[in-house]
Amino acid sequence: MKDIVNHAFRWGLAGLLVGPAVVYSMMLVVLYRDPSCAPGGGVCQLDIGLNMIIGLVVGFLAFFAITLIRGLRKRRREAR
């Protein structure tokens, strides 16, 4: 069990890189599409810091949970 959690934790750390990258890419699309975020268009309500923190948390949790579930399912399959 410990090896499954360690493997999931390592993938969770990889999610710390992927999560913010995905969130930042989505923010760039929003900045490009939203007229209120255009130069001189008004006030843009995107908070970069908050979105990056959310990306970190969601990225880690998603990669960790998916890897943990896959590891547990594989272990159960091999036990049969």
PDB file of N, CA and C in Angstrom:
ATOM      1  N   MET A   1       0.831  -1.199   0.000  1.00  0.00           N
ATOM      2  CA  MET A   1       0.000   0.000   0.000  1.00  0.00           C
ATOM      3  C   MET A   1       0.870   1.255   0.000  1.00  0.00           C
ATOM      4  N   LYS A   2       1.985   1.181   0.741  1.00  0.00           N
ATOM      5  CA  LYS A   2       2.867   2.353   0.840  1.00  0.00           C
ATOM      6  C   LYS A   2       3.445   2.727  -0.530  1.00  0.00           C
ATOM      7  N   ASP A   3       3.760   1.725  -1.335  1.00  0.00           N
ATOM      8  CA  ASP A   3       4.309   2.022  -2.655  1.00  0.00           C
ATOM      9  C   ASP A   3       3.268   2.678  -3.566  1.00  0.00           C
ATOM     10  N   ILE A   4       2.003   2.308  -3.408  1.00  0.00           N
ATOM     11  CA  ILE A   4       0.942   2.931  -4.205  1.00  0.00           C
ATOM     12  C   ILE A   4       0.781   4.400  -3.826  1.00  0.00           C
ATOM     13  N   VAL A   5       0.811   4.692  -2.522  1.00  0.00           N
ATOM     14  CA  VAL A   5       0.675   6.083  -2.056  1.00  0.00           C
ATOM     15  C   VAL A   5       1.890   6.907  -2.486  1.00  0.00           C
ATOM     16  N   ASN A   6       3.094   6.318  -2.397  1.00  0.00           N
ATOM     17  CA  ASN A   6       4.293   7.041  -2.849  1.00  0.00           C
ATOM     18  C   ASN A   6       4.225   7.360  -4.336  1.00  0.00           C
ATOM     19  N   HIS A   7       3.772   6.390  -5.121  1.00  0.00           N
ATOM     20  CA  HIS A   7       3.639   6.604  -6.561  1.00  0.00           C
ATOM     21  C   HIS A   7       2.611   7.697  -6.845  1.00  0.00           C
ATOM     22  N   ALA A   8       1.495   7.655  -6.134  1.00  0.00           N
ATOM     23  CA  ALA A   8       0.450   8.668  -6.310  1.00  0.00           C
ATOM     24  C   ALA A   8       0.962  10.044  -5.882  1.00  0.00           C
ATOM     25  N   PHE A   9       1.753  10.108  -4.813  1.00  0.00           N
ATOM     26  CA  PHE A   9       2.310  11.383  -4.361  1.00  0.00           C
ATOM     27  C   PHE A   9       3.263  11.972  -5.402  1.00  0.00           C
ATOM     28  N   ARG A  10       4.080  11.119  -6.011  1.00  0.00           N
ATOM     29  CA  ARG A  10       4.989  11.614  -7.067  1.00  0.00           C
ATOM     30  C   ARG A  10       4.200  12.162  -8.252  1.00  0.00           C
ATOM     31  N   TRP A  11       3.130  11.478  -8.629  1.00  0.00           N
ATOM     32  CA  TRP A  11       2.286  11.989  -9.710  1.00  0.00           C
ATOM     33  C   TRP A  11       1.564  13.260  -9.280  1.00  0.00           C
ATOM     34  N   GLY A  12       1.218  13.354  -8.005  1.00  0.00           N
ATOM     35  CA  GLY A  12       0.618  14.576  -7.481  1.00  0.00           C
ATOM     36  C   GLY A  12       1.567  15.754  -7.608  1.00  0.00           C
ATOM     37  N   LEU A  13       2.854  15.510  -7.355  1.00  0.00           N
ATOM     38  CA  LEU A  13       3.852  16.568  -7.529  1.00  0.00           C
ATOM     39  C   LEU A  13       3.953  16.991  -8.996  1.00  0.00           C
ATOM     40  N   ALA A  14       3.814  16.038  -9.905  1.00  0.00           N
ATOM     41  CA  ALA A  14       3.791  16.385 -11.331  1.00  0.00           C
ATOM     42  C   ALA A  14       2.568  17.244 -11.635  1.00  0.00           C
ATOM     43  N   GLY A  15       1.479  16.976 -10.935  1.00  0.00           N
ATOM     44  CA  GLY A  15       0.270  17.779 -11.111  1.00  0.00           C
ATOM     45  C   GLY A  15       0.454  19.215 -10.663  1.00  0.00           C
ATOM     46  N   LEU A  16       1.422  19.448  -9.759  1.00  0.00           N
ATOM     47  CA  LEU A  16       1.723  20.822  -9.344  1.00  0.00           C
ATOM     48  C   LEU A  16       2.278  21.636 -10.509  1.00  0.00           C
ATOM     49  N   LEU A  17       2.861  20.983 -11.482  1.00  0.00           N
ATOM     50  CA  LEU A  17       3.354  21.680 -12.672  1.00  0.00           C
ATOM     51  C   LEU A  17       2.281  21.797 -13.747  1.00  0.00           C
ATOM     52  N   VAL A  18       1.525  20.732 -13.923  1.00  0.00           N
ATOM     53  CA  VAL A  18       0.535  20.698 -14.999  1.00  0.00           C
ATOM     54  C   VAL A  18      -0.688  21.554 -14.680  1.00  0.00           C
ATOM     55  N   GLY A  19      -1.154  21.518 -13.438  1.00  0.00           N
ATOM     56  CA  GLY A  19      -2.353  22.265 -13.058  1.00  0.00           C
ATOM     57  C   GLY A  19      -2.258  23.755 -13.347  1.00  0.00           C
ATOM     58  N   PRO A  20      -1.223  24.440 -12.835  1.00  0.00           N
ATOM     59  CA  PRO A  20      -1.100  25.868 -13.127  1.00  0.00           C
ATOM     60  C   PRO A  20      -0.888  26.165 -14.611  1.00  0.00           C
ATOM     61  N   ALA A  21      -0.207  25.271 -15.315  1.00  0.00           N
ATOM     62  CA  ALA A  21      -0.004  25.483 -16.755  1.00  0.00           C
ATOM     63  C   ALA A  21      -1.336  25.471 -17.499  1.00  0.00           C
ATOM     64  N   VAL A  22      -2.207  24.552 -17.124  1.00  0.00           N
ATOM     65  CA  VAL A  22      -3.527  24.478 -17.755  1.00  0.00           C
ATOM     66  C   VAL A  22      -4.359  25.712 -17.395  1.00  0.00           C
ATOM     67  N   VAL A  23      -4.334  26.093 -16.106  1.00  0.00           N
ATOM     68  CA  VAL A  23      -5.102  27.263 -15.665  1.00  0.00           C
ATOM     69  C   VAL A  23      -4.596  28.523 -16.349  1.00  0.00           C
ATOM     70  N   TYR A  24      -3.290  28.688 -16.454  1.00  0.00           N
ATOM     71  CA  TYR A  24      -2.727  29.870 -17.095  1.00  0.00           C
ATOM     72  C   TYR A  24      -3.093  29.906 -18.582  1.00  0.00           C
ATOM     73  N   SER A  25      -3.075  28.751 -19.231  1.00  0.00           N
ATOM     74  CA  SER A  25      -3.471  28.697 -20.643  1.00  0.00           C
ATOM     75  C   SER A  25      -4.932  29.092 -20.814  1.00  0.00           C
ATOM     76  N   MET A  26      -5.779  28.623 -19.901  1.00  0.00           N
ATOM     77  CA  MET A  26      -7.191  28.995 -19.970  1.00  0.00           C
ATOM     78  C   MET A  26      -7.358  30.489 -19.717  1.00  0.00           C
ATOM     79  N   MET A  27      -6.563  31.045 -18.812  1.00  0.00           N
ATOM     80  CA  MET A  27      -6.634  32.481 -18.543  1.00  0.00           C
ATOM     81  C   MET A  27      -6.235  33.286 -19.774  1.00  0.00           C
ATOM     82  N   LEU A  28      -5.237  32.823 -20.514  1.00  0.00           N
ATOM     83  CA  LEU A  28      -4.837  33.517 -21.734  1.00  0.00           C
ATOM     84  C   LEU A  28      -5.954  33.525 -22.762  1.00  0.00           C
ATOM     85  N   VAL A  29      -6.674  32.418 -22.867  1.00  0.00           N
ATOM     86  CA  VAL A  29      -7.810  32.359 -23.792  1.00  0.00           C
ATOM     87  C   VAL A  29      -8.892  33.343 -23.355  1.00  0.00           C
ATOM     88  N   VAL A  30      -9.170  33.386 -22.054  1.00  0.00           N
ATOM     89  CA  VAL A  30     -10.183  34.320 -21.539  1.00  0.00           C
ATOM     90  C   VAL A  30      -9.746  35.757 -21.783  1.00  0.00           C
ATOM     91  N   LEU A  31      -8.487  36.047 -21.525  1.00  0.00           N
ATOM     92  CA  LEU A  31      -7.982  37.404 -21.752  1.00  0.00           C
ATOM     93  C   LEU A  31      -8.096  37.802 -23.223  1.00  0.00           C
ATOM     94  N   TYR A  32      -7.879  36.850 -24.101  1.00  0.00           N
ATOM     95  CA  TYR A  32      -7.959  37.127 -25.528  1.00  0.00           C
ATOM     96  C   TYR A  32      -9.407  37.321 -25.980  1.00  0.00           C
ATOM     97  N   ARG A  33     -10.336  36.549 -25.417  1.00  0.00           N
ATOM     98  CA  ARG A  33     -11.729  36.567 -25.859  1.00  0.00           C
ATOM     99  C   ARG A  33     -12.601  37.625 -25.183  1.00  0.00           C
ATOM    100  N   ASP A  34     -12.320  37.951 -23.919  1.00  0.00           N
ATOM    101  CA  ASP A  34     -13.186  38.826 -23.140  1.00  0.00           C
ATOM    102  C   ASP A  34     -12.907  40.292 -23.478  1.00  0.00           C
ATOM    103  N   PRO A  35     -13.893  41.032 -23.978  1.00  0.00           N
ATOM    104  CA  PRO A  35     -13.664  42.425 -24.338  1.00  0.00           C
ATOM    105  C   PRO A  35     -13.350  43.313 -23.126  1.00  0.00           C
ATOM    106  N   SER A  36     -13.807  42.942 -21.940  1.00  0.00           N
ATOM    107  CA  SER A  36     -13.502  43.780 -20.774  1.00  0.00           C
ATOM    108  C   SER A  36     -12.046  43.627 -20.347  1.00  0.00           C
ATOM    109  N   CYS A  37     -11.358  42.595 -20.828  1.00  0.00           N
ATOM    110  CA  CYS A  37      -9.946  42.400 -20.498  1.00  0.00           C
ATOM    111  C   CYS A  37      -9.023  42.978 -21.574  1.00  0.00           C
ATOM    112  N   ALA A  38      -9.585  43.500 -22.641  1.00  0.00           N
ATOM    113  CA  ALA A  38      -8.771  44.094 -23.702  1.00  0.00           C
ATOM    114  C   ALA A  38      -8.174  45.409 -23.209  1.00  0.00           C
ATOM    115  N   PRO A  39      -7.055  45.824 -23.795  1.00  0.00           N
ATOM    116  CA  PRO A  39      -6.471  47.109 -23.391  1.00  0.00           C
ATOM    117  C   PRO A  39      -7.468  48.248 -23.590  1.00  0.00           C
ATOM    118  N   GLY A  40      -7.714  49.002 -22.544  1.00  0.00           N
ATOM    119  CA  GLY A  40      -8.660  50.107 -22.602  1.00  0.00           C
ATOM    120  C   GLY A  40     -10.100  49.662 -22.544  1.00  0.00           C
ATOM    121  N   GLY A  41     -10.342  48.378 -22.308  1.00  0.00           N
ATOM    122  CA  GLY A  41     -11.703  47.848 -22.331  1.00  0.00           C
ATOM    123  C   GLY A  41     -12.415  47.908 -20.997  1.00  0.00           C
ATOM    124  N   GLY A  42     -11.737  48.257 -19.963  1.00  0.00           N
ATOM    125  CA  GLY A  42     -12.393  48.303 -18.657  1.00  0.00           C
ATOM    126  C   GLY A  42     -11.610  47.526 -17.631  1.00  0.00           C
ATOM    127  N   VAL A  43     -12.331  46.992 -16.678  1.00  0.00           N
ATOM    128  CA  VAL A  43     -11.701  46.276 -15.575  1.00  0.00           C
ATOM    129  C   VAL A  43     -11.838  44.772 -15.805  1.00  0.00           C
ATOM    130  N   CYS A  44     -10.715  44.098 -15.840  1.00  0.00           N
ATOM    131  CA  CYS A  44     -10.697  42.651 -15.998  1.00  0.00           C
ATOM    132  C   CYS A  44     -10.674  42.021 -14.606  1.00  0.00           C
ATOM    133  N   GLN A  45     -11.545  41.069 -14.370  1.00  0.00           N
ATOM    134  CA  GLN A  45     -11.704  40.496 -13.035  1.00  0.00           C
ATOM    135  C   GLN A  45     -10.927  39.199 -12.826  1.00  0.00           C
ATOM    136  N   LEU A  46      -9.865  38.975 -13.579  1.00  0.00           N
ATOM    137  CA  LEU A  46      -9.069  37.766 -13.391  1.00  0.00           C
ATOM    138  C   LEU A  46      -8.004  38.031 -12.327  1.00  0.00           C
ATOM    139  N   ASP A  47      -7.991  37.221 -11.293  1.00  0.00           N
ATOM    140  CA  ASP A  47      -6.984  37.320 -10.250  1.00  0.00           C
ATOM    141  C   ASP A  47      -5.950  36.223 -10.494  1.00  0.00           C
ATOM    142  N   ILE A  48      -4.795  36.600 -10.995  1.00  0.00           N
ATOM    143  CA  ILE A  48      -3.784  35.628 -11.401  1.00  0.00           C
ATOM    144  C   ILE A  48      -3.313  34.785 -10.216  1.00  0.00           C
ATOM    145  N   GLY A  49      -3.050  35.414  -9.088  1.00  0.00           N
ATOM    146  CA  GLY A  49      -2.558  34.675  -7.922  1.00  0.00           C
ATOM    147  C   GLY A  49      -3.536  33.628  -7.428  1.00  0.00           C
ATOM    148  N   LEU A  50      -4.796  34.020  -7.286  1.00  0.00           N
ATOM    149  CA  LEU A  50      -5.822  33.091  -6.814  1.00  0.00           C
ATOM    150  C   LEU A  50      -6.006  31.942  -7.798  1.00  0.00           C
ATOM    151  N   ASN A  51      -6.018  32.245  -9.079  1.00  0.00           N
ATOM    152  CA  ASN A  51      -6.192  31.195 -10.084  1.00  0.00           C
ATOM    153  C   ASN A  51      -5.021  30.225 -10.097  1.00  0.00           C
ATOM    154  N   MET A  52      -3.813  30.709  -9.872  1.00  0.00           N
ATOM    155  CA  MET A  52      -2.650  29.825  -9.835  1.00  0.00           C
ATOM    156  C   MET A  52      -2.694  28.924  -8.598  1.00  0.00           C
ATOM    157  N   ILE A  53      -3.123  29.461  -7.469  1.00  0.00           N
ATOM    158  CA  ILE A  53      -3.236  28.630  -6.263  1.00  0.00           C
ATOM    159  C   ILE A  53      -4.295  27.551  -6.464  1.00  0.00           C
ATOM    160  N   ILE A  54      -5.408  27.921  -7.050  1.00  0.00           N
ATOM    161  CA  ILE A  54      -6.443  26.930  -7.350  1.00  0.00           C
ATOM    162  C   ILE A  54      -5.896  25.879  -8.313  1.00  0.00           C
ATOM    163  N   GLY A  55      -5.125  26.308  -9.303  1.00  0.00           N
ATOM    164  CA  GLY A  55      -4.506  25.368 -10.243  1.00  0.00           C
ATOM    165  C   GLY A  55      -3.553  24.410  -9.554  1.00  0.00           C
ATOM    166  N   LEU A  56      -2.784  24.911  -8.587  1.00  0.00           N
ATOM    167  CA  LEU A  56      -1.876  24.048  -7.831  1.00  0.00           C
ATOM    168  C   LEU A  56      -2.640  22.984  -7.055  1.00  0.00           C
ATOM    169  N   VAL A  57      -3.645  23.417  -6.328  1.00  0.00           N
ATOM    170  CA  VAL A  57      -4.403  22.489  -5.489  1.00  0.00           C
ATOM    171  C   VAL A  57      -5.144  21.464  -6.337  1.00  0.00           C
ATOM    172  N   VAL A  58      -5.856  21.934  -7.337  1.00  0.00           N
ATOM    173  CA  VAL A  58      -6.634  21.025  -8.188  1.00  0.00           C
ATOM    174  C   VAL A  58      -5.713  20.095  -8.965  1.00  0.00           C
ATOM    175  N   GLY A  59      -4.594  20.611  -9.475  1.00  0.00           N
ATOM    176  CA  GLY A  59      -3.648  19.768 -10.202  1.00  0.00           C
ATOM    177  C   GLY A  59      -3.097  18.656  -9.339  1.00  0.00           C
ATOM    178  N   PHE A  60      -2.668  19.000  -8.116  1.00  0.00           N
ATOM    179  CA  PHE A  60      -2.136  17.973  -7.214  1.00  0.00           C
ATOM    180  C   PHE A  60      -3.205  16.951  -6.868  1.00  0.00           C
ATOM    181  N   LEU A  61      -4.376  17.425  -6.451  1.00  0.00           N
ATOM    182  CA  LEU A  61      -5.432  16.503  -6.030  1.00  0.00           C
ATOM    183  C   LEU A  61      -5.899  15.601  -7.162  1.00  0.00           C
ATOM    184  N   ALA A  62      -6.027  16.146  -8.351  1.00  0.00           N
ATOM    185  CA  ALA A  62      -6.488  15.344  -9.482  1.00  0.00           C
ATOM    186  C   ALA A  62      -5.477  14.251  -9.829  1.00  0.00           C
ATOM    187  N   PHE A  63      -4.210  14.623  -9.955  1.00  0.00           N
ATOM    188  CA  PHE A  63      -3.191  13.626 -10.311  1.00  0.00           C
ATOM    189  C   PHE A  63      -3.033  12.598  -9.193  1.00  0.00           C
ATOM    190  N   PHE A  64      -3.054  13.048  -7.936  1.00  0.00           N
ATOM    191  CA  PHE A  64      -2.916  12.130  -6.807  1.00  0.00           C
ATOM    192  C   PHE A  64      -4.085  11.156  -6.755  1.00  0.00           C
ATOM    193  N   ALA A  65      -5.302  11.671  -6.830  1.00  0.00           N
ATOM    194  CA  ALA A  65      -6.489  10.818  -6.708  1.00  0.00           C
ATOM    195  C   ALA A  65      -6.589   9.817  -7.850  1.00  0.00           C
ATOM    196  N   ILE A  66      -6.356  10.265  -9.064  1.00  0.00           N
ATOM    197  CA  ILE A  66      -6.456   9.357 -10.208  1.00  0.00           C
ATOM    198  C   ILE A  66      -5.408   8.255 -10.117  1.00  0.00           C
ATOM    199  N   THR A  67      -4.176   8.608  -9.755  1.00  0.00           N
ATOM    200  CA  THR A  67      -3.123   7.602  -9.643  1.00  0.00           C
ATOM    201  C   THR A  67      -3.390   6.652  -8.486  1.00  0.00           C
ATOM    202  N   LEU A  68      -3.893   7.169  -7.381  1.00  0.00           N
ATOM    203  CA  LEU A  68      -4.204   6.316  -6.238  1.00  0.00           C
ATOM    204  C   LEU A  68      -5.316   5.333  -6.583  1.00  0.00           C
ATOM    205  N   ILE A  69      -6.358   5.788  -7.222  1.00  0.00           N
ATOM    206  CA  ILE A  69      -7.472   4.906  -7.595  1.00  0.00           C
ATOM    207  C   ILE A  69      -7.012   3.855  -8.593  1.00  0.00           C
ATOM    208  N   ARG A  70      -6.210   4.271  -9.573  1.00  0.00           N
ATOM    209  CA  ARG A  70      -5.709   3.300 -10.551  1.00  0.00           C
ATOM    210  C   ARG A  70      -4.816   2.261  -9.893  1.00  0.00           C
ATOM    211  N   GLY A  71      -3.982   2.690  -8.950  1.00  0.00           N
ATOM    212  CA  GLY A  71      -3.111   1.753  -8.243  1.00  0.00           C
ATOM    213  C   GLY A  71      -3.888   0.755  -7.396  1.00  0.00           C
ATOM    214  N   LEU A  72      -4.911   1.248  -6.716  1.00  0.00           N
ATOM    215  CA  LEU A  72      -5.731   0.356  -5.892  1.00  0.00           C
ATOM    216  C   LEU A  72      -6.519  -0.631  -6.752  1.00  0.00           C
ATOM    217  N   ARG A  73      -7.031  -0.166  -7.874  1.00  0.00           N
ATOM    218  CA  ARG A  73      -7.762  -1.067  -8.779  1.00  0.00           C
ATOM    219  C   ARG A  73      -6.837  -2.132  -9.351  1.00  0.00           C
ATOM    220  N   LYS A  74      -5.602  -1.745  -9.710  1.00  0.00           N
ATOM    221  CA  LYS A  74      -4.632  -2.696 -10.246  1.00  0.00           C
ATOM    222  C   LYS A  74      -4.265  -3.728  -9.191  1.00  0.00           C
ATOM    223  N   ARG A  75      -4.078  -3.273  -7.963  1.00  0.00           N
ATOM    224  CA  ARG A  75      -3.737  -4.185  -6.868  1.00  0.00           C
ATOM    225  C   ARG A  75      -4.866  -5.179  -6.605  1.00  0.00           C
ATOM    226  N   ARG A  76      -6.110  -4.699  -6.649  1.00  0.00           N
ATOM    227  CA  ARG A  76      -7.254  -5.584  -6.429  1.00  0.00           C
ATOM    228  C   ARG A  76      -7.376  -6.599  -7.575  1.00  0.00           C
ATOM    229  N   ARG A  77      -7.112  -6.145  -8.807  1.00  0.00           N
ATOM    230  CA  ARG A  77      -7.181  -7.040  -9.962  1.00  0.00           C
ATOM    231  C   ARG A  77      -6.128  -8.149  -9.874  1.00  0.00           C
ATOM    232  N   GLU A  78      -4.912  -7.794  -9.419  1.00  0.00           N
ATOM    233  CA  GLU A  78      -3.843  -8.773  -9.304  1.00  0.00           C
ATOM    234  C   GLU A  78      -4.069  -9.750  -8.161  1.00  0.00           C
ATOM    235  N   ALA A  79      -4.852  -9.360  -7.159  1.00  0.00           N
ATOM    236  CA  ALA A  79      -5.115 -10.219  -6.003  1.00  0.00           C
ATOM    237  C   ALA A  79      -6.103 -11.345  -6.339  1.00  0.00           C
ATOM    238  N   ARG A  80      -6.868 -11.180  -7.395  1.00  0.00           N
ATOM    239  CA  ARG A  80      -7.866 -12.200  -7.765  1.00  0.00           C
ATOM    240  C   ARG A  80      -7.250 -13.413  -8.354  1.00  0.00           C
TER     241      ARG A  80
END
